[in-house]
Amino acid sequence: MTTDTPPPLAVDYSGRPLTEGDTVAFIHTDPIGLREGTIRIVGPNDVCIDTGDHLVTFPAATHPLLGPAFRPLGGTVKPRPVPEGVQQYPAIALQPPADGA
């Protein structure tokens, strides 16, 4: 039996789905540093993260626009398939749950 689950609205740079309530890490630019927050809203065009002090919004990038392909020395690169309509957020990474599960 198969279930028809819709693709996620957003995925992080590794292709993992982003959902409301996830704890995520992101790079802050002023001052430069690694920050952490909780996803409050996942929309088709942006993600809103609550850091406790601020609400931070990240715009989405469609998969083909994420930048040039890597060219490793002596290696090959194969793009990860992303379902059509899914937005990627290359600056956001999911963090493991606090309980280690």
Protein backbone atom coordinates (compact mmCIF):
# COMPACT_ATOMS: atom_id res chain seq x y z
CA MET A 1 0.00 0.00 0.00
CA THR A 2 1.39 3.40 -0.95
CA THR A 3 0.47 6.73 0.56
CA ASP A 4 0.26 9.87 -1.51
CA THR A 5 2.15 12.26 0.73
CA PRO A 6 2.72 15.66 -0.85
CA PRO A 7 6.31 16.84 -1.17
CA PRO A 8 7.50 19.23 1.55
CA LEU A 9 7.21 22.97 0.88
CA ALA A 10 10.86 23.44 1.85
CA VAL A 11 14.03 21.41 2.38
CA ASP A 12 17.41 22.33 3.85
CA TYR A 13 20.66 22.20 1.91
CA SER A 14 20.92 18.43 2.34
CA GLY A 15 17.39 17.76 1.09
CA ARG A 16 15.79 17.10 4.49
CA PRO A 17 12.25 18.49 4.85
CA LEU A 18 11.81 21.63 6.96
CA THR A 19 8.67 21.72 9.11
CA GLU A 20 7.25 24.07 11.72
CA GLY A 21 8.75 23.43 15.14
CA ASP A 22 12.09 22.09 13.82
CA THR A 23 15.23 23.39 15.50
CA VAL A 24 17.58 24.78 12.87
CA ALA A 25 21.01 26.38 12.64
CA PHE A 26 21.75 29.28 10.32
CA ILE A 27 24.55 31.70 9.61
CA HIS A 28 23.93 35.22 10.84
CA THR A 29 25.85 38.01 9.13
CA ASP A 30 25.80 40.94 11.57
CA PRO A 31 27.84 39.95 13.53
CA ILE A 32 28.92 36.84 11.66
CA GLY A 33 28.15 33.72 13.63
CA LEU A 34 26.20 30.49 13.80
CA ARG A 35 22.75 30.96 15.32
CA GLU A 36 19.96 28.60 16.29
CA GLY A 37 16.21 28.98 16.24
CA THR A 38 12.86 27.29 15.80
CA ILE A 39 10.95 27.32 12.55
CA ARG A 40 7.64 29.14 13.06
CA ILE A 41 6.33 29.36 9.49
CA VAL A 42 7.20 27.39 6.36
CA GLY A 43 5.75 29.06 3.28
CA PRO A 44 6.18 28.44 -0.43
CA ASN A 45 8.52 31.44 -0.71
CA ASP A 46 10.15 31.86 2.69
CA VAL A 47 10.84 30.37 6.11
CA CYS A 48 10.45 32.33 9.36
CA ILE A 49 12.72 31.37 12.28
CA ASP A 50 12.18 32.46 15.89
CA THR A 51 15.50 32.97 17.71
CA GLY A 52 13.89 34.12 20.95
CA ASP A 53 14.93 37.73 20.40
CA HIS A 54 14.07 38.09 16.73
CA LEU A 55 12.05 36.64 13.88
CA VAL A 56 14.36 35.93 10.95
CA THR A 57 13.02 35.37 7.44
CA PHE A 58 14.93 33.43 4.78
CA PRO A 59 13.88 33.65 1.13
CA ALA A 60 13.77 30.40 -0.84
CA ALA A 61 15.79 29.49 -3.90
CA THR A 62 14.52 27.07 -6.50
CA HIS A 63 16.78 24.07 -6.89
CA PRO A 64 18.46 24.96 -10.23
CA LEU A 65 19.38 28.44 -8.95
CA LEU A 66 21.42 27.32 -5.95
CA GLY A 67 24.69 28.03 -7.68
CA PRO A 68 27.37 26.38 -9.78
CA ALA A 69 28.04 22.68 -9.45
CA PHE A 70 31.01 21.59 -7.36
CA ARG A 71 34.06 20.39 -9.26
CA PRO A 72 35.98 18.08 -6.92
CA LEU A 73 39.53 17.14 -7.85
CA GLY A 74 39.40 13.63 -9.30
CA GLY A 75 35.70 13.20 -8.41
CA THR A 76 32.30 13.44 -9.96
CA VAL A 77 29.14 15.25 -8.90
CA LYS A 78 25.56 14.13 -9.31
CA PRO A 79 22.82 16.57 -8.29
CA ARG A 80 20.35 15.36 -5.69
CA PRO A 81 16.86 15.16 -7.18
CA VAL A 82 14.38 17.56 -5.64
CA PRO A 83 10.64 17.23 -6.30
CA GLU A 84 9.22 19.92 -8.56
CA GLY A 85 7.85 22.89 -6.65
CA VAL A 86 10.02 22.32 -3.58
CA GLN A 87 12.12 25.28 -2.46
CA GLN A 88 15.59 24.86 -0.95
CA TYR A 89 17.24 26.89 1.79
CA PRO A 90 21.00 26.45 1.46
CA ALA A 91 21.75 28.63 4.51
CA ILE A 92 19.63 26.58 6.96
CA ALA A 93 20.57 23.23 8.51
CA LEU A 94 18.38 20.99 10.64
CA GLN A 95 19.76 20.25 14.09
CA PRO A 96 19.35 16.86 15.80
CA PRO A 97 16.69 16.72 18.54
CA ALA A 98 17.87 17.65 22.03
CA ASP A 99 16.94 14.19 23.35
CA GLY A 100 19.20 12.51 20.77
CA ALA A 101 16.36 10.61 19.09
